[in-house]
């Protein structure tokens, strides 16, 4: 396949590819059989989240300001510390243990 493109190339079928390039380009893509390693370079229109990625529950509200940001790492919420009490209600009695 040979494609000359001013801005975008879209290949469809078993493989979907959207390629956005600046300026003029000539693209020659001979594909026969399976393809190998694909390297992806990201450019984000949004800010990247750089805050905490590991939190432990506390008595206070904690907010991770991720709205409208790209999060590049998993966010880990640790288990409730063992020194926290467990409050149960059986319908008539509250038990703190």
N, C-alpha and C. Protein backbone atom coordinates (compact mmCIF):
# COMPACT_ATOMS: atom_id res chain seq x y z
N UNK A 1 0.84 -1.16 0.00
CA UNK A 1 0.00 0.00 0.00
C UNK A 1 0.89 1.23 0.00
N UNK A 2 0.55 2.18 -0.79
CA UNK A 2 1.28 3.44 -0.82
C UNK A 2 0.28 4.56 -0.62
N UNK A 3 0.54 5.43 0.36
CA UNK A 3 -0.38 6.51 0.68
C UNK A 3 0.38 7.81 0.73
N UNK A 4 -0.12 8.81 0.04
CA UNK A 4 0.44 10.16 0.15
C UNK A 4 -0.58 10.96 0.92
N UNK A 5 -0.14 11.62 2.03
CA UNK A 5 -1.12 12.25 2.91
C UNK A 5 -0.70 13.65 3.31
N UNK A 6 -1.65 14.57 3.35
CA UNK A 6 -1.33 15.88 3.88
C UNK A 6 -1.45 15.93 5.40
N UNK A 7 -2.36 15.18 6.01
CA UNK A 7 -2.57 15.28 7.45
C UNK A 7 -2.77 13.95 8.16
N UNK A 8 -3.67 13.10 7.67
CA UNK A 8 -4.00 11.90 8.43
C UNK A 8 -4.06 10.67 7.53
N UNK A 9 -3.71 9.51 8.10
CA UNK A 9 -3.82 8.23 7.42
C UNK A 9 -4.64 7.32 8.30
N UNK A 10 -5.62 6.65 7.75
CA UNK A 10 -6.41 5.70 8.51
C UNK A 10 -6.37 4.37 7.78
N UNK A 11 -5.86 3.34 8.44
CA UNK A 11 -5.87 1.99 7.89
C UNK A 11 -6.93 1.21 8.65
N UNK A 12 -7.75 0.47 7.95
CA UNK A 12 -8.84 -0.24 8.60
C UNK A 12 -8.79 -1.70 8.20
N UNK A 13 -9.33 -2.56 9.04
CA UNK A 13 -9.31 -4.00 8.81
C UNK A 13 -9.04 -4.66 10.14
N UNK A 14 -8.14 -5.64 10.16
CA UNK A 14 -7.77 -6.27 11.42
C UNK A 14 -6.97 -5.32 12.28
N UNK A 15 -6.32 -4.34 11.67
CA UNK A 15 -5.52 -3.36 12.40
C UNK A 15 -6.12 -1.99 12.13
N UNK A 16 -6.36 -1.22 13.18
CA UNK A 16 -6.83 0.15 13.03
C UNK A 16 -5.69 1.08 13.40
N UNK A 17 -5.42 2.04 12.54
CA UNK A 17 -4.33 2.98 12.77
C UNK A 17 -4.78 4.37 12.38
N UNK A 18 -4.65 5.29 13.31
CA UNK A 18 -4.89 6.70 13.02
C UNK A 18 -3.56 7.41 13.22
N UNK A 19 -3.05 7.99 12.16
CA UNK A 19 -1.73 8.61 12.19
C UNK A 19 -1.89 10.07 11.82
N UNK A 20 -1.56 10.96 12.75
CA UNK A 20 -1.64 12.39 12.48
C UNK A 20 -0.23 12.93 12.33
N UNK A 21 0.07 13.55 11.21
CA UNK A 21 1.40 14.08 10.94
C UNK A 21 1.29 15.55 10.56
N UNK A 22 2.31 16.31 10.90
CA UNK A 22 2.37 17.71 10.48
C UNK A 22 3.15 17.80 9.17
N UNK A 23 2.67 18.60 8.25
CA UNK A 23 3.39 18.78 6.99
C UNK A 23 3.05 17.70 6.00
N UNK A 24 3.78 17.66 4.89
CA UNK A 24 3.55 16.67 3.85
C UNK A 24 4.26 15.37 4.21
N UNK A 25 3.70 14.26 3.72
CA UNK A 25 4.36 12.99 4.00
C UNK A 25 4.11 12.01 2.87
N UNK A 26 5.03 11.10 2.71
CA UNK A 26 4.88 9.96 1.81
C UNK A 26 5.01 8.73 2.70
N UNK A 27 4.02 7.84 2.62
CA UNK A 27 4.02 6.66 3.49
C UNK A 27 3.88 5.42 2.63
N UNK A 28 4.84 4.52 2.73
CA UNK A 28 4.80 3.25 2.03
C UNK A 28 4.75 2.16 3.09
N UNK A 29 3.66 1.40 3.12
CA UNK A 29 3.49 0.38 4.16
C UNK A 29 3.24 -0.97 3.51
N UNK A 30 4.30 -1.77 3.29
CA UNK A 30 4.06 -3.13 2.81
C UNK A 30 3.74 -4.03 4.00
N UNK A 31 2.55 -4.60 4.02
CA UNK A 31 2.15 -5.47 5.12
C UNK A 31 1.80 -6.83 4.54
N UNK A 32 2.52 -7.85 5.00
CA UNK A 32 2.25 -9.20 4.56
C UNK A 32 2.39 -10.11 5.78
N UNK A 33 1.29 -10.57 6.32
CA UNK A 33 1.34 -11.41 7.51
C UNK A 33 1.25 -10.56 8.76
N UNK A 34 1.87 -11.03 9.83
CA UNK A 34 1.78 -10.35 11.11
C UNK A 34 2.80 -9.23 11.21
N UNK A 35 2.43 -8.21 12.01
CA UNK A 35 3.36 -7.11 12.24
C UNK A 35 4.10 -7.34 13.54
N UNK A 36 5.24 -6.71 13.69
CA UNK A 36 6.06 -6.87 14.89
C UNK A 36 5.73 -5.83 15.95
N UNK A 37 6.75 -5.34 16.61
CA UNK A 37 6.62 -4.41 17.73
C UNK A 37 6.15 -3.05 17.22
N UNK A 38 5.21 -2.47 17.94
CA UNK A 38 4.73 -1.13 17.62
C UNK A 38 5.13 -0.21 18.76
N UNK A 39 5.78 0.90 18.45
CA UNK A 39 6.17 1.87 19.46
C UNK A 39 5.20 3.03 19.39
N UNK A 40 4.67 3.42 20.54
CA UNK A 40 3.70 4.51 20.60
C UNK A 40 4.34 5.68 21.35
N UNK A 41 4.30 6.83 20.75
CA UNK A 41 4.79 8.05 21.38
C UNK A 41 3.56 8.90 21.67
N UNK A 42 3.38 9.29 22.94
CA UNK A 42 2.19 10.02 23.33
C UNK A 42 2.44 11.52 23.37
N UNK A 43 1.47 12.24 22.89
CA UNK A 43 1.44 13.68 23.08
C UNK A 43 0.03 13.99 23.55
N UNK A 44 -0.11 14.57 24.71
CA UNK A 44 -1.41 14.76 25.33
C UNK A 44 -1.88 16.20 25.20
N UNK A 45 -3.17 16.35 24.89
CA UNK A 45 -3.78 17.67 24.85
C UNK A 45 -4.10 18.14 26.27
N UNK A 46 -4.12 17.20 27.23
CA UNK A 46 -4.47 17.52 28.61
C UNK A 46 -3.21 17.52 29.47
N UNK A 47 -3.33 18.13 30.65
CA UNK A 47 -2.23 18.10 31.62
C UNK A 47 -2.04 16.68 32.13
N UNK A 48 -0.83 16.35 32.51
CA UNK A 48 -0.52 15.04 33.09
C UNK A 48 -0.59 15.17 34.61
N UNK A 49 -1.27 14.21 35.27
CA UNK A 49 -1.38 14.19 36.72
C UNK A 49 -0.02 13.86 37.32
N UNK A 50 0.44 14.70 38.25
CA UNK A 50 1.75 14.48 38.88
C UNK A 50 1.65 14.36 40.39
N UNK A 51 0.44 14.21 40.92
CA UNK A 51 0.26 14.13 42.37
C UNK A 51 0.51 12.74 42.92
N UNK A 52 0.05 12.52 44.15
CA UNK A 52 0.22 11.24 44.83
C UNK A 52 -0.44 10.12 44.03
N UNK A 53 0.22 8.96 44.01
CA UNK A 53 -0.37 7.80 43.36
C UNK A 53 -0.59 6.66 44.35
N UNK A 54 -0.30 6.92 45.63
CA UNK A 54 -0.53 5.92 46.68
C UNK A 54 -1.12 6.64 47.88
N UNK A 55 -2.29 6.18 48.32
CA UNK A 55 -2.96 6.80 49.46
C UNK A 55 -3.41 5.74 50.45
N UNK A 56 -3.47 6.13 51.72
CA UNK A 56 -3.98 5.29 52.79
C UNK A 56 -5.18 6.00 53.39
N UNK A 57 -6.30 5.31 53.58
CA UNK A 57 -7.48 5.96 54.14
C UNK A 57 -7.18 6.63 55.49
N UNK A 58 -7.77 7.79 55.69
CA UNK A 58 -7.66 8.51 56.96
C UNK A 58 -9.07 8.91 57.40
N UNK A 59 -9.17 9.63 58.52
CA UNK A 59 -10.47 10.11 58.97
C UNK A 59 -10.92 11.31 58.14
N UNK A 60 -10.02 11.94 57.42
CA UNK A 60 -10.34 13.12 56.62
C UNK A 60 -10.55 12.74 55.15
N UNK A 61 -11.32 13.54 54.46
CA UNK A 61 -11.51 13.35 53.03
C UNK A 61 -10.21 13.66 52.30
N UNK A 62 -9.87 12.79 51.37
CA UNK A 62 -8.68 13.00 50.55
C UNK A 62 -9.11 13.10 49.09
N UNK A 63 -8.59 14.06 48.39
CA UNK A 63 -8.92 14.25 46.98
C UNK A 63 -7.64 14.16 46.16
N UNK A 64 -7.66 13.31 45.15
CA UNK A 64 -6.57 13.25 44.18
C UNK A 64 -7.06 14.05 42.97
N UNK A 65 -6.43 15.15 42.70
CA UNK A 65 -6.89 16.08 41.67
C UNK A 65 -6.52 15.57 40.27
N UNK A 66 -7.32 14.62 39.79
CA UNK A 66 -7.08 13.98 38.50
C UNK A 66 -8.06 14.44 37.41
N UNK A 67 -9.03 15.25 37.77
CA UNK A 67 -10.04 15.67 36.79
C UNK A 67 -9.38 16.36 35.60
N UNK A 68 -9.79 15.95 34.40
CA UNK A 68 -9.31 16.51 33.14
C UNK A 68 -7.79 16.40 32.97
N UNK A 69 -7.21 15.36 33.58
CA UNK A 69 -5.77 15.12 33.44
C UNK A 69 -5.55 13.69 32.99
N UNK A 70 -4.43 13.47 32.36
CA UNK A 70 -4.02 12.13 31.95
C UNK A 70 -3.26 11.51 33.11
N UNK A 71 -3.66 10.31 33.55
CA UNK A 71 -2.99 9.63 34.65
C UNK A 71 -2.11 8.53 34.05
N UNK A 72 -0.79 8.64 34.24
CA UNK A 72 0.15 7.72 33.61
C UNK A 72 0.50 6.52 34.49
N UNK A 73 0.16 6.58 35.77
CA UNK A 73 0.46 5.47 36.68
C UNK A 73 -0.82 5.01 37.36
N UNK A 74 -0.83 3.77 37.82
CA UNK A 74 -1.96 3.29 38.62
C UNK A 74 -2.02 4.06 39.93
N UNK A 75 -3.24 4.26 40.42
CA UNK A 75 -3.41 4.86 41.75
C UNK A 75 -3.72 3.73 42.71
N UNK A 76 -2.93 3.60 43.77
CA UNK A 76 -3.08 2.53 44.75
C UNK A 76 -3.72 3.09 46.01
N UNK A 77 -4.81 2.44 46.45
CA UNK A 77 -5.44 2.78 47.73
C UNK A 77 -5.08 1.65 48.68
N UNK A 78 -4.28 1.97 49.69
CA UNK A 78 -3.83 0.97 50.65
C UNK A 78 -4.99 0.53 51.54
N UNK A 79 -4.88 -0.63 52.19
CA UNK A 79 -5.94 -1.09 53.09
C UNK A 79 -6.08 -0.17 54.30
N UNK A 80 -7.24 -0.22 54.92
CA UNK A 80 -7.48 0.55 56.13
C UNK A 80 -6.51 0.07 57.20
N UNK A 81 -5.82 0.99 57.87
CA UNK A 81 -4.86 0.57 58.90
C UNK A 81 -5.52 -0.28 60.00
N UNK A 82 -4.77 -1.19 60.56
CA UNK A 82 -5.31 -2.11 61.57
C UNK A 82 -5.67 -1.41 62.86
N UNK A 83 -5.17 -0.18 63.09
CA UNK A 83 -5.50 0.50 64.34
C UNK A 83 -6.85 1.23 64.25
N UNK A 84 -7.55 1.14 63.12
CA UNK A 84 -8.89 1.70 63.01
C UNK A 84 -9.89 0.74 63.64
N UNK A 85 -10.90 1.28 64.29
CA UNK A 85 -11.94 0.43 64.90
C UNK A 85 -12.98 0.02 63.88
N UNK A 86 -13.68 -1.08 64.19
CA UNK A 86 -14.75 -1.56 63.35
C UNK A 86 -16.06 -1.31 64.08
N UNK A 87 -16.96 -0.56 63.44
CA UNK A 87 -18.25 -0.24 64.05
C UNK A 87 -19.32 -1.08 63.37
N UNK A 88 -20.09 -1.83 64.17
CA UNK A 88 -21.18 -2.65 63.62
C UNK A 88 -22.49 -2.28 64.30
N UNK A 89 -23.57 -2.45 63.61
CA UNK A 89 -24.92 -2.14 64.10
C UNK A 89 -25.80 -3.33 63.78
N UNK A 90 -26.37 -3.95 64.81
CA UNK A 90 -27.22 -5.11 64.59
C UNK A 90 -28.70 -4.76 64.60
N UNK A 91 -29.02 -3.48 64.56
CA UNK A 91 -30.40 -3.05 64.58
C UNK A 91 -30.82 -2.47 65.91
N UNK A 92 -30.09 -2.82 66.96
CA UNK A 92 -30.42 -2.27 68.27
C UNK A 92 -29.18 -1.91 69.08
N UNK A 93 -28.03 -2.49 68.75
CA UNK A 93 -26.82 -2.25 69.52
C UNK A 93 -25.68 -1.86 68.57
N UNK A 94 -24.93 -0.80 68.94
CA UNK A 94 -23.72 -0.42 68.21
C UNK A 94 -22.54 -1.03 68.95
N UNK A 95 -21.67 -1.73 68.19
CA UNK A 95 -20.49 -2.34 68.78
C UNK A 95 -19.26 -1.76 68.11
N UNK A 96 -18.29 -1.30 68.91
CA UNK A 96 -17.02 -0.81 68.40
C UNK A 96 -15.96 -1.81 68.83
N UNK A 97 -15.27 -2.37 67.86
CA UNK A 97 -14.23 -3.36 68.20
C UNK A 97 -12.92 -3.02 67.56
